[in-house]
């Protein structure tokens, strides 16, 4: 009975199927590129036009609702239960890679 082996040579050469040795490297590179494409949008912060009612504890969002002076946005940090959120005005130049969704009215 013919045996199909991948990679190494065992037995008769006519009965074995050889797979190129570079395929694990190509699979690893392909998996890396897919992971990179999927992970990229999650790294960007969003600039909200208003402060949301519910936030995850310890998460940070940026709000451009006009409450800060010109050229600044409100940085809001979520807090656990029964504690207030931390809010501070930060310059717009400190934000990198933040897509602007809407302007304040």
PDB file of N, CA and C in Angstrom:
ATOM      1  N   UNK A   1       0.834  -1.175   0.000  1.00  0.00           N
ATOM      2  CA  UNK A   1       0.000   0.000   0.000  1.00  0.00           C
ATOM      3  C   UNK A   1       0.884   1.245   0.000  1.00  0.00           C
ATOM      4  N   UNK A   2       0.509   2.227  -0.789  1.00  0.00           N
ATOM      5  CA  UNK A   2       1.315   3.431  -0.921  1.00  0.00           C
ATOM      6  C   UNK A   2       1.105   4.330   0.293  1.00  0.00           C
ATOM      7  N   UNK A   3       2.181   4.905   0.775  1.00  0.00           N
ATOM      8  CA  UNK A   3       2.129   5.800   1.922  1.00  0.00           C
ATOM      9  C   UNK A   3       2.450   7.211   1.452  1.00  0.00           C
ATOM     10  N   UNK A   4       1.658   8.159   1.882  1.00  0.00           N
ATOM     11  CA  UNK A   4       1.924   9.559   1.526  1.00  0.00           C
ATOM     12  C   UNK A   4       2.561  10.232   2.733  1.00  0.00           C
ATOM     13  N   UNK A   5       3.756  10.688   2.577  1.00  0.00           N
ATOM     14  CA  UNK A   5       4.486  11.357   3.653  1.00  0.00           C
ATOM     15  C   UNK A   5       4.787  12.781   3.219  1.00  0.00           C
ATOM     16  N   UNK A   6       4.762  13.687   4.155  1.00  0.00           N
ATOM     17  CA  UNK A   6       5.048  15.090   3.863  1.00  0.00           C
ATOM     18  C   UNK A   6       6.386  15.471   4.463  1.00  0.00           C
ATOM     19  N   UNK A   7       7.247  16.003   3.659  1.00  0.00           N
ATOM     20  CA  UNK A   7       8.502  16.553   4.155  1.00  0.00           C
ATOM     21  C   UNK A   7       9.680  15.622   4.017  1.00  0.00           C
ATOM     22  N   UNK A   8       9.801  14.621   4.864  1.00  0.00           N
ATOM     23  CA  UNK A   8      11.003  13.794   4.857  1.00  0.00           C
ATOM     24  C   UNK A   8      10.801  12.552   3.987  1.00  0.00           C
ATOM     25  N   UNK A   9      11.898  11.946   3.583  1.00  0.00           N
ATOM     26  CA  UNK A   9      11.871  10.776   2.706  1.00  0.00           C
ATOM     27  C   UNK A   9      11.858   9.524   3.568  1.00  0.00           C
ATOM     28  N   UNK A  10      10.788   8.738   3.445  1.00  0.00           N
ATOM     29  CA  UNK A  10      10.723   7.441   4.118  1.00  0.00           C
ATOM     30  C   UNK A  10      10.209   6.443   3.088  1.00  0.00           C
ATOM     31  N   UNK A  11      10.919   5.396   2.871  1.00  0.00           N
ATOM     32  CA  UNK A  11      10.464   4.348   1.967  1.00  0.00           C
ATOM     33  C   UNK A  11      10.769   4.653   0.522  1.00  0.00           C
ATOM     34  N   UNK A  12       9.920   4.184  -0.357  1.00  0.00           N
ATOM     35  CA  UNK A  12      10.096   4.289  -1.794  1.00  0.00           C
ATOM     36  C   UNK A  12       9.794   5.717  -2.258  1.00  0.00           C
ATOM     37  N   UNK A  13      10.659   6.303  -3.075  1.00  0.00           N
ATOM     38  CA  UNK A  13      10.491   7.664  -3.565  1.00  0.00           C
ATOM     39  C   UNK A  13       9.267   7.801  -4.459  1.00  0.00           C
ATOM     40  N   UNK A  14       8.919   6.740  -5.171  1.00  0.00           N
ATOM     41  CA  UNK A  14       7.760   6.783  -6.066  1.00  0.00           C
ATOM     42  C   UNK A  14       6.447   6.853  -5.288  1.00  0.00           C
ATOM     43  N   UNK A  15       6.450   6.454  -4.023  1.00  0.00           N
ATOM     44  CA  UNK A  15       5.215   6.415  -3.230  1.00  0.00           C
ATOM     45  C   UNK A  15       5.079   7.602  -2.275  1.00  0.00           C
ATOM     46  N   UNK A  16       6.011   8.495  -2.258  1.00  0.00           N
ATOM     47  CA  UNK A  16       5.941   9.619  -1.311  1.00  0.00           C
ATOM     48  C   UNK A  16       5.705  10.915  -2.064  1.00  0.00           C
ATOM     49  N   UNK A  17       4.934  11.781  -1.457  1.00  0.00           N
ATOM     50  CA  UNK A  17       4.686  13.109  -2.035  1.00  0.00           C
ATOM     51  C   UNK A  17       5.530  14.116  -1.275  1.00  0.00           C
ATOM     52  N   UNK A  18       6.322  14.840  -1.987  1.00  0.00           N
ATOM     53  CA  UNK A  18       7.199  15.828  -1.367  1.00  0.00           C
ATOM     54  C   UNK A  18       6.510  17.192  -1.370  1.00  0.00           C
ATOM     55  N   UNK A  19       6.520  17.865  -0.242  1.00  0.00           N
ATOM     56  CA  UNK A  19       5.978  19.219  -0.121  1.00  0.00           C
ATOM     57  C   UNK A  19       7.165  20.171  -0.029  1.00  0.00           C
ATOM     58  N   UNK A  20       7.142  21.287  -0.737  1.00  0.00           N
ATOM     59  CA  UNK A  20       8.260  22.221  -0.656  1.00  0.00           C
ATOM     60  C   UNK A  20       8.514  22.669   0.783  1.00  0.00           C
ATOM     61  N   UNK A  21       9.790  22.825   1.127  1.00  0.00           N
ATOM     62  CA  UNK A  21      10.157  23.164   2.498  1.00  0.00           C
ATOM     63  C   UNK A  21       9.796  24.602   2.876  1.00  0.00           C
ATOM     64  N   UNK A  22       9.505  25.471   1.925  1.00  0.00           N
ATOM     65  CA  UNK A  22       9.211  26.863   2.225  1.00  0.00           C
ATOM     66  C   UNK A  22       7.768  27.132   2.619  1.00  0.00           C
ATOM     67  N   UNK A  23       6.884  26.123   2.540  1.00  0.00           N
ATOM     68  CA  UNK A  23       5.474  26.386   2.819  1.00  0.00           C
ATOM     69  C   UNK A  23       5.195  26.792   4.253  1.00  0.00           C
ATOM     70  N   UNK A  24       5.883  26.291   5.296  1.00  0.00           N
ATOM     71  CA  UNK A  24       5.594  26.795   6.641  1.00  0.00           C
ATOM     72  C   UNK A  24       5.938  28.276   6.780  1.00  0.00           C
ATOM     73  N   UNK A  25       7.006  28.713   6.116  1.00  0.00           N
ATOM     74  CA  UNK A  25       7.387  30.120   6.164  1.00  0.00           C
ATOM     75  C   UNK A  25       6.343  31.007   5.488  1.00  0.00           C
ATOM     76  N   UNK A  26       5.819  30.520   4.353  1.00  0.00           N
ATOM     77  CA  UNK A  26       4.800  31.287   3.643  1.00  0.00           C
ATOM     78  C   UNK A  26       3.509  31.352   4.453  1.00  0.00           C
ATOM     79  N   UNK A  27       3.157  30.260   5.127  1.00  0.00           N
ATOM     80  CA  UNK A  27       1.956  30.241   5.962  1.00  0.00           C
ATOM     81  C   UNK A  27       2.117  31.196   7.138  1.00  0.00           C
ATOM     82  N   UNK A  28       3.290  31.232   7.727  1.00  0.00           N
ATOM     83  CA  UNK A  28       3.543  32.139   8.842  1.00  0.00           C
ATOM     84  C   UNK A  28       3.479  33.590   8.414  1.00  0.00           C
ATOM     85  N   UNK A  29       4.043  33.891   7.248  1.00  0.00           N
ATOM     86  CA  UNK A  29       4.003  35.265   6.738  1.00  0.00           C
ATOM     87  C   UNK A  29       2.572  35.664   6.394  1.00  0.00           C
ATOM     88  N   UNK A  30       1.812  34.736   5.821  1.00  0.00           N
ATOM     89  CA  UNK A  30       0.416  35.027   5.494  1.00  0.00           C
ATOM     90  C   UNK A  30      -0.411  35.273   6.750  1.00  0.00           C
ATOM     91  N   UNK A  31      -0.200  34.472   7.781  1.00  0.00           N
ATOM     92  CA  UNK A  31      -0.922  34.655   9.044  1.00  0.00           C
ATOM     93  C   UNK A  31      -0.538  35.994   9.684  1.00  0.00           C
ATOM     94  N   UNK A  32       0.727  36.369   9.599  1.00  0.00           N
ATOM     95  CA  UNK A  32       1.172  37.652  10.153  1.00  0.00           C
ATOM     96  C   UNK A  32       0.511  38.824   9.431  1.00  0.00           C
ATOM     97  N   UNK A  33       0.445  38.763   8.100  1.00  0.00           N
ATOM     98  CA  UNK A  33      -0.181  39.846   7.335  1.00  0.00           C
ATOM     99  C   UNK A  33      -1.674  39.954   7.634  1.00  0.00           C
ATOM    100  N   UNK A  34      -2.342  38.842   7.776  1.00  0.00           N
ATOM    101  CA  UNK A  34      -3.770  38.870   8.113  1.00  0.00           C
ATOM    102  C   UNK A  34      -3.973  39.467   9.499  1.00  0.00           C
ATOM    103  N   UNK A  35      -3.158  39.067  10.472  1.00  0.00           N
ATOM    104  CA  UNK A  35      -3.273  39.615  11.822  1.00  0.00           C
ATOM    105  C   UNK A  35      -2.979  41.114  11.833  1.00  0.00           C
ATOM    106  N   UNK A  36      -2.023  41.550  11.044  1.00  0.00           N
ATOM    107  CA  UNK A  36      -1.681  42.968  10.976  1.00  0.00           C
ATOM    108  C   UNK A  36      -2.832  43.783  10.402  1.00  0.00           C
ATOM    109  N   UNK A  37      -3.464  43.270   9.363  1.00  0.00           N
ATOM    110  CA  UNK A  37      -4.595  43.979   8.748  1.00  0.00           C
ATOM    111  C   UNK A  37      -5.792  44.048   9.685  1.00  0.00           C
ATOM    112  N   UNK A  38      -6.017  43.010  10.460  1.00  0.00           N
ATOM    113  CA  UNK A  38      -7.152  42.999  11.367  1.00  0.00           C
ATOM    114  C   UNK A  38      -6.911  43.858  12.605  1.00  0.00           C
ATOM    115  N   UNK A  39      -5.677  43.973  13.039  1.00  0.00           N
ATOM    116  CA  UNK A  39      -5.381  44.684  14.272  1.00  0.00           C
ATOM    117  C   UNK A  39      -5.218  46.186  14.076  1.00  0.00           C
ATOM    118  N   UNK A  40      -4.969  46.641  12.880  1.00  0.00           N
ATOM    119  CA  UNK A  40      -4.668  48.050  12.673  1.00  0.00           C
ATOM    120  C   UNK A  40      -5.786  48.994  13.072  1.00  0.00           C
ATOM    121  N   UNK A  41      -7.050  48.771  12.731  1.00  0.00           N
ATOM    122  CA  UNK A  41      -8.079  49.724  13.126  1.00  0.00           C
ATOM    123  C   UNK A  41      -8.256  49.846  14.633  1.00  0.00           C
ATOM    124  N   UNK A  42      -7.892  48.821  15.404  1.00  0.00           N
ATOM    125  CA  UNK A  42      -8.089  48.875  16.836  1.00  0.00           C
ATOM    126  C   UNK A  42      -7.091  49.782  17.543  1.00  0.00           C
ATOM    127  N   UNK A  43      -5.991  50.135  16.893  1.00  0.00           N
ATOM    128  CA  UNK A  43      -4.997  50.993  17.516  1.00  0.00           C
ATOM    129  C   UNK A  43      -5.376  52.470  17.474  1.00  0.00           C
ATOM    130  N   UNK A  44      -6.251  52.857  16.583  1.00  0.00           N
ATOM    131  CA  UNK A  44      -6.605  54.266  16.433  1.00  0.00           C
ATOM    132  C   UNK A  44      -7.645  54.677  17.463  1.00  0.00           C
ATOM    133  N   UNK A  45      -7.473  55.859  18.041  1.00  0.00           N
ATOM    134  CA  UNK A  45      -8.469  56.442  18.931  1.00  0.00           C
ATOM    135  C   UNK A  45      -9.473  57.189  18.090  1.00  0.00           C
ATOM    136  N   UNK A  46     -10.684  57.334  18.597  1.00  0.00           N
ATOM    137  CA  UNK A  46     -11.736  58.027  17.886  1.00  0.00           C
ATOM    138  C   UNK A  46     -12.018  59.342  18.596  1.00  0.00           C
ATOM    139  N   UNK A  47     -12.322  60.368  17.833  1.00  0.00           N
ATOM    140  CA  UNK A  47     -12.661  61.676  18.391  1.00  0.00           C
ATOM    141  C   UNK A  47     -14.173  61.808  18.339  1.00  0.00           C
ATOM    142  N   UNK A  48     -14.824  61.738  19.498  1.00  0.00           N
ATOM    143  CA  UNK A  48     -16.277  61.763  19.575  1.00  0.00           C
ATOM    144  C   UNK A  48     -16.800  63.197  19.604  1.00  0.00           C
ATOM    145  N   UNK A  49     -17.990  63.444  19.033  1.00  0.00           N
ATOM    146  CA  UNK A  49     -18.585  64.782  19.086  1.00  0.00           C
ATOM    147  C   UNK A  49     -19.286  65.059  20.426  1.00  0.00           C
ATOM    148  N   UNK A  50     -19.543  64.004  21.219  1.00  0.00           N
ATOM    149  CA  UNK A  50     -20.180  64.167  22.526  1.00  0.00           C
ATOM    150  C   UNK A  50     -19.682  63.060  23.456  1.00  0.00           C
ATOM    151  N   UNK A  51     -19.834  63.252  24.754  1.00  0.00           N
ATOM    152  CA  UNK A  51     -19.376  62.266  25.734  1.00  0.00           C
ATOM    153  C   UNK A  51     -20.425  61.169  25.892  1.00  0.00           C
ATOM    154  N   UNK A  52     -20.050  59.911  25.764  1.00  0.00           N
ATOM    155  CA  UNK A  52     -21.028  58.835  25.892  1.00  0.00           C
ATOM    156  C   UNK A  52     -21.491  58.659  27.343  1.00  0.00           C
ATOM    157  N   UNK A  53     -22.699  58.143  27.500  1.00  0.00           N
ATOM    158  CA  UNK A  53     -23.227  57.922  28.852  1.00  0.00           C
ATOM    159  C   UNK A  53     -22.518  56.772  29.550  1.00  0.00           C
ATOM    160  N   UNK A  54     -22.206  55.714  28.818  1.00  0.00           N
ATOM    161  CA  UNK A  54     -21.561  54.542  29.412  1.00  0.00           C
ATOM    162  C   UNK A  54     -20.153  54.406  28.843  1.00  0.00           C
ATOM    163  N   UNK A  55     -19.214  54.111  29.724  1.00  0.00           N
ATOM    164  CA  UNK A  55     -17.811  53.890  29.334  1.00  0.00           C
ATOM    165  C   UNK A  55     -17.261  52.720  30.118  1.00  0.00           C
ATOM    166  N   UNK A  56     -16.298  52.024  29.516  1.00  0.00           N
ATOM    167  CA  UNK A  56     -15.598  50.972  30.245  1.00  0.00           C
ATOM    168  C   UNK A  56     -14.670  51.607  31.270  1.00  0.00           C
ATOM    169  N   UNK A  57     -14.496  50.962  32.427  1.00  0.00           N
ATOM    170  CA  UNK A  57     -13.545  51.493  33.408  1.00  0.00           C
ATOM    171  C   UNK A  57     -12.134  51.546  32.837  1.00  0.00           C
ATOM    172  N   UNK A  58     -11.440  52.605  33.124  1.00  0.00           N
ATOM    173  CA  UNK A  58     -10.041  52.836  32.738  1.00  0.00           C
ATOM    174  C   UNK A  58      -9.830  53.024  31.240  1.00  0.00           C
ATOM    175  N   UNK A  59     -10.879  53.130  30.445  1.00  0.00           N
ATOM    176  CA  UNK A  59     -10.705  53.423  29.024  1.00  0.00           C
ATOM    177  C   UNK A  59     -10.601  54.934  28.831  1.00  0.00           C
ATOM    178  N   UNK A  60      -9.989  55.346  27.726  1.00  0.00           N
ATOM    179  CA  UNK A  60      -9.789  56.765  27.440  1.00  0.00           C
ATOM    180  C   UNK A  60     -10.407  57.103  26.099  1.00  0.00           C
ATOM    181  N   UNK A  61     -11.176  58.193  26.072  1.00  0.00           N
ATOM    182  CA  UNK A  61     -11.733  58.688  24.820  1.00  0.00           C
ATOM    183  C   UNK A  61     -11.459  60.186  24.729  1.00  0.00           C
ATOM    184  N   UNK A  62     -11.541  60.712  23.525  1.00  0.00           N
ATOM    185  CA  UNK A  62     -11.349  62.136  23.282  1.00  0.00           C
ATOM    186  C   UNK A  62     -12.641  62.717  22.734  1.00  0.00           C
ATOM    187  N   UNK A  63     -13.087  63.841  23.317  1.00  0.00           N
ATOM    188  CA  UNK A  63     -14.364  64.444  22.967  1.00  0.00           C
ATOM    189  C   UNK A  63     -14.126  65.866  22.500  1.00  0.00           C
ATOM    190  N   UNK A  64     -14.683  66.214  21.341  1.00  0.00           N
ATOM    191  CA  UNK A  64     -14.596  67.578  20.835  1.00  0.00           C
ATOM    192  C   UNK A  64     -16.007  68.161  20.846  1.00  0.00           C
ATOM    193  N   UNK A  65     -16.461  68.573  22.038  1.00  0.00           N
ATOM    194  CA  UNK A  65     -17.810  69.106  22.178  1.00  0.00           C
ATOM    195  C   UNK A  65     -17.833  70.612  22.400  1.00  0.00           C
ATOM    196  N   UNK A  66     -16.694  71.266  22.294  1.00  0.00           N
ATOM    197  CA  UNK A  66     -16.632  72.713  22.455  1.00  0.00           C
ATOM    198  C   UNK A  66     -16.461  73.164  23.897  1.00  0.00           C
ATOM    199  N   UNK A  67     -16.311  72.249  24.842  1.00  0.00           N
ATOM    200  CA  UNK A  67     -16.160  72.637  26.245  1.00  0.00           C
ATOM    201  C   UNK A  67     -14.747  73.132  26.563  1.00  0.00           C
ATOM    202  N   UNK A  68     -13.773  72.794  25.747  1.00  0.00           N
ATOM    203  CA  UNK A  68     -12.399  73.266  25.938  1.00  0.00           C
ATOM    204  C   UNK A  68     -12.128  74.431  24.989  1.00  0.00           C
ATOM    205  N   UNK A  69     -11.040  75.140  25.238  1.00  0.00           N
ATOM    206  CA  UNK A  69     -10.694  76.284  24.402  1.00  0.00           C
ATOM    207  C   UNK A  69     -10.286  75.821  22.996  1.00  0.00           C
ATOM    208  N   UNK A  70     -10.084  76.783  22.125  1.00  0.00           N
ATOM    209  CA  UNK A  70      -9.745  76.475  20.731  1.00  0.00           C
ATOM    210  C   UNK A  70      -8.447  75.687  20.646  1.00  0.00           C
ATOM    211  N   UNK A  71      -8.422  74.658  19.807  1.00  0.00           N
ATOM    212  CA  UNK A  71      -7.224  73.850  19.616  1.00  0.00           C
ATOM    213  C   UNK A  71      -7.045  72.771  20.662  1.00  0.00           C
ATOM    214  N   UNK A  72      -8.017  72.603  21.555  1.00  0.00           N
ATOM    215  CA  UNK A  72      -7.931  71.576  22.589  1.00  0.00           C
ATOM    216  C   UNK A  72      -9.166  70.694  22.549  1.00  0.00           C
ATOM    217  N   UNK A  73      -9.009  69.450  23.026  1.00  0.00           N
ATOM    218  CA  UNK A  73     -10.122  68.511  23.129  1.00  0.00           C
ATOM    219  C   UNK A  73     -10.176  67.976  24.553  1.00  0.00           C
ATOM    220  N   UNK A  74     -11.335  67.460  24.918  1.00  0.00           N
ATOM    221  CA  UNK A  74     -11.549  66.918  26.257  1.00  0.00           C
ATOM    222  C   UNK A  74     -11.118  65.460  26.281  1.00  0.00           C
ATOM    223  N   UNK A  75     -10.205  65.131  27.191  1.00  0.00           N
ATOM    224  CA  UNK A  75      -9.763  63.753  27.386  1.00  0.00           C
ATOM    225  C   UNK A  75     -10.539  63.199  28.576  1.00  0.00           C
ATOM    226  N   UNK A  76     -11.304  62.127  28.341  1.00  0.00           N
ATOM    227  CA  UNK A  76     -12.139  61.544  29.388  1.00  0.00           C
ATOM    228  C   UNK A  76     -11.642  60.141  29.676  1.00  0.00           C
ATOM    229  N   UNK A  77     -11.357  59.871  30.961  1.00  0.00           N
ATOM    230  CA  UNK A  77     -10.904  58.553  31.375  1.00  0.00           C
ATOM    231  C   UNK A  77     -11.984  57.919  32.238  1.00  0.00           C
ATOM    232  N   UNK A  78     -12.414  56.718  31.859  1.00  0.00           N
ATOM    233  CA  UNK A  78     -13.446  56.009  32.601  1.00  0.00           C
ATOM    234  C   UNK A  78     -12.946  55.592  33.968  1.00  0.00           C
ATOM    235  N   UNK A  79     -13.889  55.426  34.899  1.00  0.00           N
ATOM    236  CA  UNK A  79     -13.558  55.068  36.275  1.00  0.00           C
ATOM    237  C   UNK A  79     -14.467  53.918  36.722  1.00  0.00           C
ATOM    238  N   UNK A  80     -14.017  53.160  37.731  1.00  0.00           N
ATOM    239  CA  UNK A  80     -14.880  52.094  38.245  1.00  0.00           C
ATOM    240  C   UNK A  80     -16.100  52.676  38.962  1.00  0.00           C
ATOM    241  N   UNK A  81     -16.952  51.813  39.444  1.00  0.00           N
ATOM    242  CA  UNK A  81     -18.209  52.236  40.083  1.00  0.00           C
ATOM    243  C   UNK A  81     -17.993  53.234  41.209  1.00  0.00           C
ATOM    244  N   UNK A  82     -18.962  54.110  41.358  1.00  0.00           N
ATOM    245  CA  UNK A  82     -19.007  55.107  42.432  1.00  0.00           C
ATOM    246  C   UNK A  82     -17.815  56.061  42.436  1.00  0.00           C
ATOM    247  N   UNK A  83     -17.158  56.209  41.314  1.00  0.00           N
ATOM    248  CA  UNK A  83     -16.075  57.189  41.203  1.00  0.00           C
ATOM    249  C   UNK A  83     -16.326  58.047  39.970  1.00  0.00           C
ATOM    250  N   UNK A  84     -15.838  59.256  40.018  1.00  0.00           N
ATOM    251  CA  UNK A  84     -16.037  60.184  38.902  1.00  0.00           C
ATOM    252  C   UNK A  84     -15.007  59.933  37.806  1.00  0.00           C
ATOM    253  N   UNK A  85     -15.400  60.281  36.592  1.00  0.00           N
ATOM    254  CA  UNK A  85     -14.481  60.205  35.466  1.00  0.00           C
ATOM    255  C   UNK A  85     -13.454  61.322  35.572  1.00  0.00           C
ATOM    256  N   UNK A  86     -12.268  61.046  35.086  1.00  0.00           N
ATOM    257  CA  UNK A  86     -11.229  62.080  35.048  1.00  0.00           C
ATOM    258  C   UNK A  86     -11.331  62.802  33.710  1.00  0.00           C
ATOM    259  N   UNK A  87     -11.438  64.112  33.764  1.00  0.00           N
ATOM    260  CA  UNK A  87     -11.575  64.912  32.543  1.00  0.00           C
ATOM    261  C   UNK A  87     -10.493  65.986  32.547  1.00  0.00           C
ATOM    262  N   UNK A  88      -9.867  66.160  31.389  1.00  0.00           N
ATOM    263  CA  UNK A  88      -8.871  67.222  31.245  1.00  0.00           C
ATOM    264  C   UNK A  88      -8.814  67.649  29.784  1.00  0.00           C
ATOM    265  N   UNK A  89      -8.449  68.903  29.571  1.00  0.00           N
ATOM    266  CA  UNK A  89      -8.303  69.429  28.213  1.00  0.00           C
ATOM    267  C   UNK A  89      -6.864  69.230  27.763  1.00  0.00           C
ATOM    268  N   UNK A  90      -6.695  68.615  26.606  1.00  0.00           N
ATOM    269  CA  UNK A  90      -5.358  68.376  26.060  1.00  0.00           C
ATOM    270  C   UNK A  90      -5.273  69.025  24.692  1.00  0.00           C
ATOM    271  N   UNK A  91      -4.088  69.494  24.288  1.00  0.00           N
ATOM    272  CA  UNK A  91      -3.942  70.100  22.963  1.00  0.00           C
ATOM    273  C   UNK A  91      -4.170  69.082  21.854  1.00  0.00           C
ATOM    274  N   UNK A  92      -4.748  69.558  20.777  1.00  0.00           N
ATOM    275  CA  UNK A  92      -5.017  68.696  19.625  1.00  0.00           C
ATOM    276  C   UNK A  92      -3.711  68.180  19.021  1.00  0.00           C
ATOM    277  N   UNK A  93      -2.613  68.911  19.199  1.00  0.00           N
ATOM    278  CA  UNK A  93      -1.327  68.489  18.633  1.00  0.00           C
ATOM    279  C   UNK A  93      -0.778  67.249  19.340  1.00  0.00           C
ATOM    280  N   UNK A  94      -1.237  66.960  20.568  1.00  0.00           N
ATOM    281  CA  UNK A  94      -0.782  65.769  21.281  1.00  0.00           C
ATOM    282  C   UNK A  94      -1.396  64.487  20.738  1.00  0.00           C
ATOM    283  N   UNK A  95      -2.510  64.611  20.040  1.00  0.00           N
ATOM    284  CA  UNK A  95      -3.197  63.432  19.504  1.00  0.00           C
ATOM    285  C   UNK A  95      -2.573  63.063  18.177  1.00  0.00           C
ATOM    286  N   UNK A  96      -2.225  61.807  18.044  1.00  0.00           N
ATOM    287  CA  UNK A  96      -1.650  61.315  16.792  1.00  0.00           C
ATOM    288  C   UNK A  96      -2.500  60.173  16.289  1.00  0.00           C
ATOM    289  N   UNK A  97      -2.835  60.214  15.020  1.00  0.00           N
ATOM    290  CA  UNK A  97      -3.596  59.130  14.425  1.00  0.00           C
ATOM    291  C   UNK A  97      -5.043  59.081  14.855  1.00  0.00           C
ATOM    292  N   UNK A  98      -5.594  60.186  15.307  1.00  0.00           N
ATOM    293  CA  UNK A  98      -6.984  60.213  15.741  1.00  0.00           C
ATOM    294  C   UNK A  98      -7.854  60.670  14.584  1.00  0.00           C
ATOM    295  N   UNK A  99      -8.741  59.821  14.101  1.00  0.00           N
ATOM    296  CA  UNK A  99      -9.633  60.251  13.022  1.00  0.00           C
ATOM    297  C   UNK A  99     -10.711  61.179  13.556  1.00  0.00           C
ATOM    298  N   UNK A 100     -10.990  62.228  12.842  1.00  0.00           N
ATOM    299  CA  UNK A 100     -11.987  63.202  13.259  1.00  0.00           C
ATOM    300  C   UNK A 100     -13.335  62.783  12.701  1.00  0.00           C
ATOM    301  N   UNK A 101     -14.314  62.474  13.601  1.00  0.00           N
ATOM    302  CA  UNK A 101     -15.618  62.002  13.146  1.00  0.00           C
ATOM    303  C   UNK A 101     -16.552  63.157  12.840  1.00  0.00           C
ATOM    304  N   UNK A 102     -16.564  64.159  13.687  1.00  0.00           N
ATOM    305  CA  UNK A 102     -17.484  65.277  13.512  1.00  0.00           C
ATOM    306  C   UNK A 102     -16.926  66.472  14.280  1.00  0.00           C
ATOM    307  N   UNK A 103     -17.296  67.648  13.878  1.00  0.00           N
ATOM    308  CA  UNK A 103     -16.850  68.851  14.588  1.00  0.00           C
ATOM    309  C   UNK A 103     -17.903  69.263  15.580  1.00  0.00           C
ATOM    310  N   UNK A 104     -17.498  69.978  16.622  1.00  0.00           N
ATOM    311  CA  UNK A 104     -18.432  70.461  17.634  1.00  0.00           C
ATOM    312  C   UNK A 104     -19.291  71.574  17.068  1.00  0.00           C
ATOM    313  N   UNK A 105     -20.500  71.659  17.554  1.00  0.00           N
ATOM    314  CA  UNK A 105     -21.426  72.689  17.083  1.00  0.00           C
ATOM    315  C   UNK A 105     -21.549  73.804  18.073  1.00  0.00           C
TER     316      UNK A 105
END
